[in-house]
Amino acid sequence: MQRPDPEDTRRAAQARLVAFVIAGTMLLWMGAQWLGGALGWDTRYVFLFDFAAIAAFVWAMVVTYQIWRGRQR
């Protein structure tokens, strides 16, 4: 049995990190939305969580694109 290519191992680790970031961002964002509604937070604070979630999703898309491009080579 062959050992996996180190590059494939690195890509797999990146993919796992992206998966955790997406799942964690979604859970934290939903929790912040619920908590903001329950506590009556001002909308500017809720938008702060929205923008943080958007930034995390954009980062995840960029890294996913890099993984995809790395596999094309």
PDB file of N, CA and C in Angstrom:
ATOM      1  N   MET A   1       0.844  -1.183   0.000  1.00  0.00           N
ATOM      2  CA  MET A   1       0.000   0.000   0.000  1.00  0.00           C
ATOM      3  C   MET A   1       0.887   1.243   0.000  1.00  0.00           C
ATOM      4  N   GLN A   2       0.524   2.202  -0.834  1.00  0.00           N
ATOM      5  CA  GLN A   2       1.333   3.409  -0.947  1.00  0.00           C
ATOM      6  C   GLN A   2       0.948   4.427   0.104  1.00  0.00           C
ATOM      7  N   ARG A   3       1.941   5.231   0.450  1.00  0.00           N
ATOM      8  CA  ARG A   3       1.673   6.338   1.354  1.00  0.00           C
ATOM      9  C   ARG A   3       1.000   7.460   0.576  1.00  0.00           C
ATOM     10  N   PRO A   4       0.100   8.195   1.228  1.00  0.00           N
ATOM     11  CA  PRO A   4      -0.546   9.305   0.512  1.00  0.00           C
ATOM     12  C   PRO A   4       0.463  10.414   0.213  1.00  0.00           C
ATOM     13  N   ASP A   5       0.211  11.075  -0.868  1.00  0.00           N
ATOM     14  CA  ASP A   5       1.054  12.194  -1.271  1.00  0.00           C
ATOM     15  C   ASP A   5       0.944  13.294  -0.206  1.00  0.00           C
ATOM     16  N   PRO A   6       2.062  13.903   0.206  1.00  0.00           N
ATOM     17  CA  PRO A   6       1.985  14.984   1.214  1.00  0.00           C
ATOM     18  C   PRO A   6       1.094  16.143   0.770  1.00  0.00           C
ATOM     19  N   GLU A   7       1.070  16.397  -0.518  1.00  0.00           N
ATOM     20  CA  GLU A   7       0.211  17.479  -1.028  1.00  0.00           C
ATOM     21  C   GLU A   7      -1.268  17.132  -0.837  1.00  0.00           C
ATOM     22  N   ASP A   8      -1.622  15.870  -1.069  1.00  0.00           N
ATOM     23  CA  ASP A   8      -3.004  15.437  -0.843  1.00  0.00           C
ATOM     24  C   ASP A   8      -3.375  15.512   0.632  1.00  0.00           C
ATOM     25  N   THR A   9      -2.431  15.186   1.492  1.00  0.00           N
ATOM     26  CA  THR A   9      -2.673  15.275   2.938  1.00  0.00           C
ATOM     27  C   THR A   9      -2.905  16.725   3.354  1.00  0.00           C
ATOM     28  N   ARG A  10      -2.121  17.637   2.776  1.00  0.00           N
ATOM     29  CA  ARG A  10      -2.293  19.062   3.087  1.00  0.00           C
ATOM     30  C   ARG A  10      -3.647  19.565   2.597  1.00  0.00           C
ATOM     31  N   ARG A  11      -4.031  19.145   1.393  1.00  0.00           N
ATOM     32  CA  ARG A  11      -5.340  19.550   0.863  1.00  0.00           C
ATOM     33  C   ARG A  11      -6.480  19.010   1.718  1.00  0.00           C
ATOM     34  N   ALA A  12      -6.338  17.779   2.184  1.00  0.00           N
ATOM     35  CA  ALA A  12      -7.377  17.193   3.032  1.00  0.00           C
ATOM     36  C   ALA A  12      -7.505  17.967   4.336  1.00  0.00           C
ATOM     37  N   ALA A  13      -6.385  18.377   4.902  1.00  0.00           N
ATOM     38  CA  ALA A  13      -6.424  19.168   6.138  1.00  0.00           C
ATOM     39  C   ALA A  13      -7.086  20.520   5.890  1.00  0.00           C
ATOM     40  N   GLN A  14      -6.795  21.134   4.749  1.00  0.00           N
ATOM     41  CA  GLN A  14      -7.446  22.400   4.412  1.00  0.00           C
ATOM     42  C   GLN A  14      -8.947  22.215   4.229  1.00  0.00           C
ATOM     43  N   ALA A  15      -9.327  21.132   3.587  1.00  0.00           N
ATOM     44  CA  ALA A  15     -10.752  20.874   3.372  1.00  0.00           C
ATOM     45  C   ALA A  15     -11.473  20.658   4.696  1.00  0.00           C
ATOM     46  N   ARG A  16     -10.839  19.962   5.627  1.00  0.00           N
ATOM     47  CA  ARG A  16     -11.444  19.780   6.949  1.00  0.00           C
ATOM     48  C   ARG A  16     -11.594  21.121   7.663  1.00  0.00           C
ATOM     49  N   LEU A  17     -10.578  21.974   7.572  1.00  0.00           N
ATOM     50  CA  LEU A  17     -10.652  23.290   8.197  1.00  0.00           C
ATOM     51  C   LEU A  17     -11.795  24.109   7.599  1.00  0.00           C
ATOM     52  N   VAL A  18     -11.936  24.065   6.284  1.00  0.00           N
ATOM     53  CA  VAL A  18     -13.026  24.785   5.626  1.00  0.00           C
ATOM     54  C   VAL A  18     -14.374  24.262   6.124  1.00  0.00           C
ATOM     55  N   ALA A  19     -14.500  22.945   6.245  1.00  0.00           N
ATOM     56  CA  ALA A  19     -15.759  22.359   6.715  1.00  0.00           C
ATOM     57  C   ALA A  19     -16.076  22.820   8.134  1.00  0.00           C
ATOM     58  N   PHE A  20     -15.079  22.844   9.002  1.00  0.00           N
ATOM     59  CA  PHE A  20     -15.312  23.295  10.380  1.00  0.00           C
ATOM     60  C   PHE A  20     -15.671  24.777  10.427  1.00  0.00           C
ATOM     61  N   VAL A  21     -15.018  25.573   9.603  1.00  0.00           N
ATOM     62  CA  VAL A  21     -15.327  27.012   9.577  1.00  0.00           C
ATOM     63  C   VAL A  21     -16.749  27.248   9.089  1.00  0.00           C
ATOM     64  N   ILE A  22     -17.159  26.545   8.046  1.00  0.00           N
ATOM     65  CA  ILE A  22     -18.521  26.718   7.530  1.00  0.00           C
ATOM     66  C   ILE A  22     -19.552  26.295   8.573  1.00  0.00           C
ATOM     67  N   ALA A  23     -19.356  25.121   9.160  1.00  0.00           N
ATOM     68  CA  ALA A  23     -20.317  24.629  10.159  1.00  0.00           C
ATOM     69  C   ALA A  23     -20.327  25.517  11.401  1.00  0.00           C
ATOM     70  N   GLY A  24     -19.160  25.896  11.870  1.00  0.00           N
ATOM     71  CA  GLY A  24     -19.085  26.753  13.060  1.00  0.00           C
ATOM     72  C   GLY A  24     -19.664  28.126  12.826  1.00  0.00           C
ATOM     73  N   THR A  25     -19.390  28.686  11.666  1.00  0.00           N
ATOM     74  CA  THR A  25     -19.934  29.999  11.333  1.00  0.00           C
ATOM     75  C   THR A  25     -21.455  29.954  11.291  1.00  0.00           C
ATOM     76  N   MET A  26     -21.979  28.918  10.687  1.00  0.00           N
ATOM     77  CA  MET A  26     -23.442  28.808  10.581  1.00  0.00           C
ATOM     78  C   MET A  26     -24.073  28.701  11.973  1.00  0.00           C
ATOM     79  N   LEU A  27     -23.483  27.858  12.822  1.00  0.00           N
ATOM     80  CA  LEU A  27     -24.039  27.701  14.179  1.00  0.00           C
ATOM     81  C   LEU A  27     -23.936  28.991  14.985  1.00  0.00           C
ATOM     82  N   LEU A  28     -22.770  29.648  14.928  1.00  0.00           N
ATOM     83  CA  LEU A  28     -22.605  30.897  15.677  1.00  0.00           C
ATOM     84  C   LEU A  28     -23.510  31.997  15.141  1.00  0.00           C
ATOM     85  N   TRP A  29     -23.654  32.062  13.817  1.00  0.00           N
ATOM     86  CA  TRP A  29     -24.510  33.084  13.234  1.00  0.00           C
ATOM     87  C   TRP A  29     -25.971  32.867  13.630  1.00  0.00           C
ATOM     88  N   MET A  30     -26.426  31.621  13.553  1.00  0.00           N
ATOM     89  CA  MET A  30     -27.819  31.334  13.949  1.00  0.00           C
ATOM     90  C   MET A  30     -28.029  31.627  15.428  1.00  0.00           C
ATOM     91  N   GLY A  31     -27.042  31.270  16.256  1.00  0.00           N
ATOM     92  CA  GLY A  31     -27.139  31.569  17.686  1.00  0.00           C
ATOM     93  C   GLY A  31     -27.176  33.062  17.955  1.00  0.00           C
ATOM     94  N   ALA A  32     -26.363  33.821  17.241  1.00  0.00           N
ATOM     95  CA  ALA A  32     -26.350  35.276  17.421  1.00  0.00           C
ATOM     96  C   ALA A  32     -27.664  35.896  16.973  1.00  0.00           C
ATOM     97  N   GLN A  33     -28.238  35.387  15.889  1.00  0.00           N
ATOM     98  CA  GLN A  33     -29.532  35.894  15.425  1.00  0.00           C
ATOM     99  C   GLN A  33     -30.622  35.627  16.461  1.00  0.00           C
ATOM    100  N   TRP A  34     -30.629  34.436  16.990  1.00  0.00           N
ATOM    101  CA  TRP A  34     -31.632  34.081  17.997  1.00  0.00           C
ATOM    102  C   TRP A  34     -31.437  34.912  19.264  1.00  0.00           C
ATOM    103  N   LEU A  35     -30.175  35.010  19.719  1.00  0.00           N
ATOM    104  CA  LEU A  35     -29.890  35.757  20.941  1.00  0.00           C
ATOM    105  C   LEU A  35     -30.210  37.235  20.760  1.00  0.00           C
ATOM    106  N   GLY A  36     -29.891  37.781  19.591  1.00  0.00           N
ATOM    107  CA  GLY A  36     -30.195  39.190  19.327  1.00  0.00           C
ATOM    108  C   GLY A  36     -31.686  39.462  19.352  1.00  0.00           C
ATOM    109  N   GLY A  37     -32.470  38.530  18.807  1.00  0.00           N
ATOM    110  CA  GLY A  37     -33.924  38.704  18.848  1.00  0.00           C
ATOM    111  C   GLY A  37     -34.486  38.545  20.243  1.00  0.00           C
ATOM    112  N   ALA A  38     -33.927  37.596  20.983  1.00  0.00           N
ATOM    113  CA  ALA A  38     -34.428  37.345  22.335  1.00  0.00           C
ATOM    114  C   ALA A  38     -34.083  38.480  23.294  1.00  0.00           C
ATOM    115  N   LEU A  39     -32.910  39.081  23.116  1.00  0.00           N
ATOM    116  CA  LEU A  39     -32.484  40.140  24.029  1.00  0.00           C
ATOM    117  C   LEU A  39     -32.785  41.540  23.502  1.00  0.00           C
ATOM    118  N   GLY A  40     -33.307  41.615  22.284  1.00  0.00           N
ATOM    119  CA  GLY A  40     -33.670  42.913  21.725  1.00  0.00           C
ATOM    120  C   GLY A  40     -32.471  43.779  21.380  1.00  0.00           C
ATOM    121  N   TRP A  41     -31.403  43.160  20.866  1.00  0.00           N
ATOM    122  CA  TRP A  41     -30.217  43.923  20.486  1.00  0.00           C
ATOM    123  C   TRP A  41     -30.544  44.897  19.373  1.00  0.00           C
ATOM    124  N   ASP A  42     -29.791  45.979  19.350  1.00  0.00           N
ATOM    125  CA  ASP A  42     -29.904  46.955  18.279  1.00  0.00           C
ATOM    126  C   ASP A  42     -29.474  46.293  16.960  1.00  0.00           C
ATOM    127  N   THR A  43     -30.074  46.716  15.869  1.00  0.00           N
ATOM    128  CA  THR A  43     -29.803  46.058  14.584  1.00  0.00           C
ATOM    129  C   THR A  43     -28.348  46.193  14.140  1.00  0.00           C
ATOM    130  N   ARG A  44     -27.673  47.244  14.557  1.00  0.00           N
ATOM    131  CA  ARG A  44     -26.270  47.395  14.142  1.00  0.00           C
ATOM    132  C   ARG A  44     -25.395  46.294  14.719  1.00  0.00           C
ATOM    133  N   TYR A  45     -25.735  45.781  15.905  1.00  0.00           N
ATOM    134  CA  TYR A  45     -24.963  44.679  16.473  1.00  0.00           C
ATOM    135  C   TYR A  45     -25.271  43.367  15.750  1.00  0.00           C
ATOM    136  N   VAL A  46     -26.498  43.209  15.354  1.00  0.00           N
ATOM    137  CA  VAL A  46     -26.869  42.007  14.614  1.00  0.00           C
ATOM    138  C   VAL A  46     -26.208  42.024  13.237  1.00  0.00           C
ATOM    139  N   PHE A  47     -26.144  43.196  12.604  1.00  0.00           N
ATOM    140  CA  PHE A  47     -25.457  43.309  11.315  1.00  0.00           C
ATOM    141  C   PHE A  47     -23.971  43.018  11.453  1.00  0.00           C
ATOM    142  N   LEU A  48     -23.386  43.321  12.595  1.00  0.00           N
ATOM    143  CA  LEU A  48     -21.987  42.999  12.830  1.00  0.00           C
ATOM    144  C   LEU A  48     -21.763  41.488  12.729  1.00  0.00           C
ATOM    145  N   PHE A  49     -22.662  40.698  13.300  1.00  0.00           N
ATOM    146  CA  PHE A  49     -22.568  39.241  13.182  1.00  0.00           C
ATOM    147  C   PHE A  49     -22.810  38.796  11.746  1.00  0.00           C
ATOM    148  N   ASP A  50     -23.712  39.472  11.044  1.00  0.00           N
ATOM    149  CA  ASP A  50     -23.948  39.137   9.637  1.00  0.00           C
ATOM    150  C   ASP A  50     -22.681  39.348   8.803  1.00  0.00           C
ATOM    151  N   PHE A  51     -22.021  40.479   8.992  1.00  0.00           N
ATOM    152  CA  PHE A  51     -20.811  40.765   8.226  1.00  0.00           C
ATOM    153  C   PHE A  51     -19.673  39.817   8.590  1.00  0.00           C
ATOM    154  N   ALA A  52     -19.579  39.444   9.855  1.00  0.00           N
ATOM    155  CA  ALA A  52     -18.560  38.473  10.261  1.00  0.00           C
ATOM    156  C   ALA A  52     -18.819  37.119   9.605  1.00  0.00           C
ATOM    157  N   ALA A  53     -20.075  36.723   9.524  1.00  0.00           N
ATOM    158  CA  ALA A  53     -20.423  35.457   8.880  1.00  0.00           C
ATOM    159  C   ALA A  53     -20.125  35.525   7.382  1.00  0.00           C
ATOM    160  N   ILE A  54     -20.441  36.634   6.751  1.00  0.00           N
ATOM    161  CA  ILE A  54     -20.143  36.789   5.328  1.00  0.00           C
ATOM    162  C   ILE A  54     -18.641  36.694   5.094  1.00  0.00           C
ATOM    163  N   ALA A  55     -17.848  37.331   5.950  1.00  0.00           N
ATOM    164  CA  ALA A  55     -16.391  37.272   5.805  1.00  0.00           C
ATOM    165  C   ALA A  55     -15.883  35.838   5.937  1.00  0.00           C
ATOM    166  N   ALA A  56     -16.433  35.089   6.879  1.00  0.00           N
ATOM    167  CA  ALA A  56     -16.014  33.692   7.050  1.00  0.00           C
ATOM    168  C   ALA A  56     -16.400  32.853   5.842  1.00  0.00           C
ATOM    169  N   PHE A  57     -17.573  33.080   5.292  1.00  0.00           N
ATOM    170  CA  PHE A  57     -17.998  32.324   4.119  1.00  0.00           C
ATOM    171  C   PHE A  57     -17.168  32.690   2.881  1.00  0.00           C
ATOM    172  N   VAL A  58     -16.817  33.957   2.734  1.00  0.00           N
ATOM    173  CA  VAL A  58     -15.959  34.357   1.624  1.00  0.00           C
ATOM    174  C   VAL A  58     -14.587  33.701   1.758  1.00  0.00           C
ATOM    175  N   TRP A  59     -14.035  33.696   2.969  1.00  0.00           N
ATOM    176  CA  TRP A  59     -12.757  33.027   3.204  1.00  0.00           C
ATOM    177  C   TRP A  59     -12.859  31.546   2.833  1.00  0.00           C
ATOM    178  N   ALA A  60     -13.943  30.892   3.241  1.00  0.00           N
ATOM    179  CA  ALA A  60     -14.122  29.472   2.939  1.00  0.00           C
ATOM    180  C   ALA A  60     -14.220  29.245   1.433  1.00  0.00           C
ATOM    181  N   MET A  61     -14.883  30.134   0.722  1.00  0.00           N
ATOM    182  CA  MET A  61     -14.983  29.994  -0.736  1.00  0.00           C
ATOM    183  C   MET A  61     -13.622  30.174  -1.397  1.00  0.00           C
ATOM    184  N   VAL A  62     -12.832  31.122  -0.926  1.00  0.00           N
ATOM    185  CA  VAL A  62     -11.504  31.347  -1.495  1.00  0.00           C
ATOM    186  C   VAL A  62     -10.614  30.127  -1.269  1.00  0.00           C
ATOM    187  N   VAL A  63     -10.614  29.595  -0.068  1.00  0.00           N
ATOM    188  CA  VAL A  63      -9.784  28.425   0.222  1.00  0.00           C
ATOM    189  C   VAL A  63     -10.279  27.207  -0.560  1.00  0.00           C
ATOM    190  N   THR A  64     -11.591  27.049  -0.687  1.00  0.00           N
ATOM    191  CA  THR A  64     -12.126  25.944  -1.482  1.00  0.00           C
ATOM    192  C   THR A  64     -11.700  26.073  -2.935  1.00  0.00           C
ATOM    193  N   TYR A  65     -11.708  27.276  -3.468  1.00  0.00           N
ATOM    194  CA  TYR A  65     -11.249  27.506  -4.838  1.00  0.00           C
ATOM    195  C   TYR A  65      -9.766  27.157  -4.970  1.00  0.00           C
ATOM    196  N   GLN A  66      -8.964  27.528  -3.974  1.00  0.00           N
ATOM    197  CA  GLN A  66      -7.538  27.195  -4.003  1.00  0.00           C
ATOM    198  C   GLN A  66      -7.320  25.688  -3.964  1.00  0.00           C
ATOM    199  N   ILE A  67      -8.097  24.989  -3.172  1.00  0.00           N
ATOM    200  CA  ILE A  67      -7.999  23.526  -3.122  1.00  0.00           C
ATOM    201  C   ILE A  67      -8.364  22.946  -4.485  1.00  0.00           C
ATOM    202  N   TRP A  68      -9.434  23.427  -5.065  1.00  0.00           N
ATOM    203  CA  TRP A  68      -9.875  22.939  -6.368  1.00  0.00           C
ATOM    204  C   TRP A  68      -8.812  23.193  -7.436  1.00  0.00           C
ATOM    205  N   ARG A  69      -8.235  24.402  -7.441  1.00  0.00           N
ATOM    206  CA  ARG A  69      -7.202  24.718  -8.421  1.00  0.00           C
ATOM    207  C   ARG A  69      -5.951  23.875  -8.183  1.00  0.00           C
ATOM    208  N   GLY A  70      -5.638  23.575  -6.959  1.00  0.00           N
ATOM    209  CA  GLY A  70      -4.489  22.738  -6.656  1.00  0.00           C
ATOM    210  C   GLY A  70      -4.667  21.318  -7.166  1.00  0.00           C
ATOM    211  N   ARG A  71      -5.881  20.833  -7.168  1.00  0.00           N
ATOM    212  CA  ARG A  71      -6.155  19.486  -7.670  1.00  0.00           C
ATOM    213  C   ARG A  71      -6.104  19.432  -9.189  1.00  0.00           C
ATOM    214  N   GLN A  72      -6.295  20.577  -9.850  1.00  0.00           N
ATOM    215  CA  GLN A  72      -6.271  20.612 -11.311  1.00  0.00           C
ATOM    216  C   GLN A  72      -4.863  20.422 -11.870  1.00  0.00           C
ATOM    217  N   ARG A  73      -3.869  20.738 -11.061  1.00  0.00           N
ATOM    218  CA  ARG A  73      -2.474  20.642 -11.530  1.00  0.00           C
ATOM    219  C   ARG A  73      -1.985  19.239 -11.575  1.00  0.00           C
TER     220      ARG A  73
END
